[in-house]
C-alpha atoms as a PDB file:
ATOM      1  CA  MET A   1      30.791  28.072 -38.153  1.00  0.00           C
ATOM      2  CA  ALA A   2      31.638  25.022 -35.185  1.00  0.00           C
ATOM      3  CA  ASN A   3      28.584  25.459 -33.444  1.00  0.00           C
ATOM      4  CA  SER A   4      26.272  25.615 -36.425  1.00  0.00           C
ATOM      5  CA  ASN A   5      27.826  22.030 -37.366  1.00  0.00           C
ATOM      6  CA  GLY A   6      27.729  21.069 -33.789  1.00  0.00           C
ATOM      7  CA  GLN A   7      23.849  22.002 -33.849  1.00  0.00           C
ATOM      8  CA  GLU A   8      23.182  19.916 -36.989  1.00  0.00           C
ATOM      9  CA  LYS A   9      24.833  16.879 -35.795  1.00  0.00           C
ATOM     10  CA  LEU A  10      22.770  17.428 -32.346  1.00  0.00           C
ATOM     11  CA  ILE A  11      19.607  17.714 -34.413  1.00  0.00           C
ATOM     12  CA  LYS A  12      20.816  14.262 -37.175  1.00  0.00           C
ATOM     13  CA  HIS A  13      21.469  11.877 -34.034  1.00  0.00           C
ATOM     14  CA  HIS A  14      18.707  13.217 -31.621  1.00  0.00           C
ATOM     15  CA  PHE A  15      16.617   9.423 -32.391  1.00  0.00           C
ATOM     16  CA  TRP A  16      19.920   7.693 -31.110  1.00  0.00           C
ATOM     17  CA  ILE A  17      20.867  10.406 -28.154  1.00  0.00           C
ATOM     18  CA  VAL A  18      17.122  10.131 -26.816  1.00  0.00           C
ATOM     19  CA  LEU A  19      17.436   5.844 -27.335  1.00  0.00           C
ATOM     20  CA  ALA A  20      20.434   5.318 -25.053  1.00  0.00           C
ATOM     21  CA  LEU A  21      19.220   7.949 -22.379  1.00  0.00           C
ATOM     22  CA  ALA A  22      16.193   5.422 -22.706  1.00  0.00           C
ATOM     23  CA  VAL A  23      18.209   2.639 -22.454  1.00  0.00           C
ATOM     24  CA  VAL A  24      20.110   3.712 -19.327  1.00  0.00           C
ATOM     25  CA  LEU A  25      17.269   5.364 -17.619  1.00  0.00           C
ATOM     26  CA  LEU A  26      14.540   2.831 -18.094  1.00  0.00           C
ATOM     27  CA  PRO A  27      15.689   0.913 -15.935  1.00  0.00           C
ATOM     28  CA  VAL A  28      16.485   2.631 -13.298  1.00  0.00           C
ATOM     29  CA  VAL A  29      13.230   4.129 -12.858  1.00  0.00           C
ATOM     30  CA  ALA A  30      11.186   0.809 -13.151  1.00  0.00           C
ATOM     31  CA  GLY A  31      13.455  -0.656 -10.538  1.00  0.00           C
ATOM     32  CA  SER A  32      12.537   2.252  -8.382  1.00  0.00           C
ATOM     33  CA  VAL A  33       9.234   2.225  -8.745  1.00  0.00           C
ATOM     34  CA  VAL A  34       8.780  -1.371  -8.057  1.00  0.00           C
ATOM     35  CA  THR A  35      11.171  -1.100  -4.935  1.00  0.00           C
ATOM     36  CA  GLY A  36       8.933   1.888  -4.087  1.00  0.00           C
ATOM     37  CA  VAL A  37       5.576  -0.278  -4.565  1.00  0.00           C
ATOM     38  CA  ALA A  38       6.751  -3.028  -2.420  1.00  0.00           C
ATOM     39  CA  ASP A  39       7.772  -1.293   0.460  1.00  0.00           C
ATOM     40  CA  ALA A  40       4.111   0.727   0.434  1.00  0.00           C
ATOM     41  CA  THR A  41       2.420  -2.898   0.082  1.00  0.00           C
ATOM     42  CA  ASP A  42       4.541  -4.525   3.028  1.00  0.00           C
ATOM     43  CA  LYS A  43       3.762  -1.312   5.539  1.00  0.00           C
ATOM     44  CA  LYS A  44      -0.053  -1.623   4.552  1.00  0.00           C
ATOM     45  CA  ALA A  45       0.201  -5.577   4.873  1.00  0.00           C
ATOM     46  CA  LYS A  46       2.012  -5.150   8.344  1.00  0.00           C
ATOM     47  CA  GLU A  47      -0.544  -2.614   9.214  1.00  0.00           C
ATOM     48  CA  ILE A  48      -3.407  -5.259   8.407  1.00  0.00           C
ATOM     49  CA  ASP A  49      -1.631  -7.777  10.197  1.00  0.00           C
ATOM     50  CA  ASN A  50      -1.518  -6.066  13.286  1.00  0.00           C
ATOM     51  CA  ARG A  51      -5.109  -4.972  13.114  1.00  0.00           C
ATOM     52  CA  LYS A  52      -6.338  -8.960  12.415  1.00  0.00           C
ATOM     53  CA  ASN A  53      -4.313  -9.611  15.706  1.00  0.00           C
ATOM     54  CA  ALA A  54      -5.683  -7.313  17.655  1.00  0.00           C
ATOM     55  CA  LEU A  55      -9.280  -8.370  16.778  1.00  0.00           C
ATOM     56  CA  ASN A  56      -8.139 -12.337  17.800  1.00  0.00           C
ATOM     57  CA  ILE A  57      -6.699 -10.887  21.119  1.00  0.00           C
ATOM     58  CA  SER A  58     -10.212 -10.059  21.946  1.00  0.00           C
ATOM     59  CA  LYS A  59     -12.797 -12.962  23.179  1.00  0.00           C
ATOM     60  CA  PRO A  60     -15.934 -11.778  22.404  1.00  0.00           C
ATOM     61  CA  LYS A  61     -18.489 -13.585  24.801  1.00  0.00           C
ATOM     62  CA  GLY A  62     -21.229 -16.003  23.490  1.00  0.00           C
ATOM     63  CA  LEU A  63     -25.023 -15.537  23.465  1.00  0.00           C
ATOM     64  CA  ASN A  64     -24.685 -17.488  26.599  1.00  0.00           C
ATOM     65  CA  TYR A  65     -23.099 -15.206  28.536  1.00  0.00           C
ATOM     66  CA  VAL A  66     -25.290 -12.403  27.346  1.00  0.00           C
ATOM     67  CA  VAL A  67     -28.628 -14.451  28.544  1.00  0.00           C
ATOM     68  CA  SER A  68     -27.131 -14.991  31.252  1.00  0.00           C
ATOM     69  CA  LYS A  69     -26.803 -11.624  32.403  1.00  0.00           C
ATOM     70  CA  ILE A  70     -29.992 -10.782  31.477  1.00  0.00           C
ATOM     71  CA  ASN A  71     -31.352 -13.012  33.559  1.00  0.00           C
ATOM     72  CA  ARG A  72     -29.195 -11.749  37.002  1.00  0.00           C
ATOM     73  CA  ARG A  73     -30.459  -8.053  36.391  1.00  0.00           C
ATOM     74  CA  PRO A  74     -33.700  -7.241  38.115  1.00  0.00           C
ATOM     75  CA  ILE A  75     -36.829  -7.603  36.510  1.00  0.00           C
ATOM     76  CA  SER A  76     -37.116  -3.922  36.488  1.00  0.00           C
ATOM     77  CA  LYS A  77     -34.319  -3.778  34.362  1.00  0.00           C
ATOM     78  CA  ARG A  78     -35.026  -6.418  31.442  1.00  0.00           C
ATOM     79  CA  VAL A  79     -35.584  -5.668  28.096  1.00  0.00           C
ATOM     80  CA  SER A  80     -38.806  -7.048  27.018  1.00  0.00           C
ATOM     81  CA  ARG A  81     -39.445  -8.528  23.568  1.00  0.00           C
END
């Protein structure tokens, strides 16, 4: 008799039990999602910055440098346009 009475109370107060769990657990889950996403975006931003810095370190040669290298080659190796 006592067991069925407990089950009836559980069924009767099901909404309030779930609401209390939601109030406690939703902020925890939301906080973990926010920090997890922030860590992932920080990691990706650092990777992008490292690639940008690698590109800025190398100095590409200008057109004058390329033309001077072409003109210094022997005539047989020059590419005609």
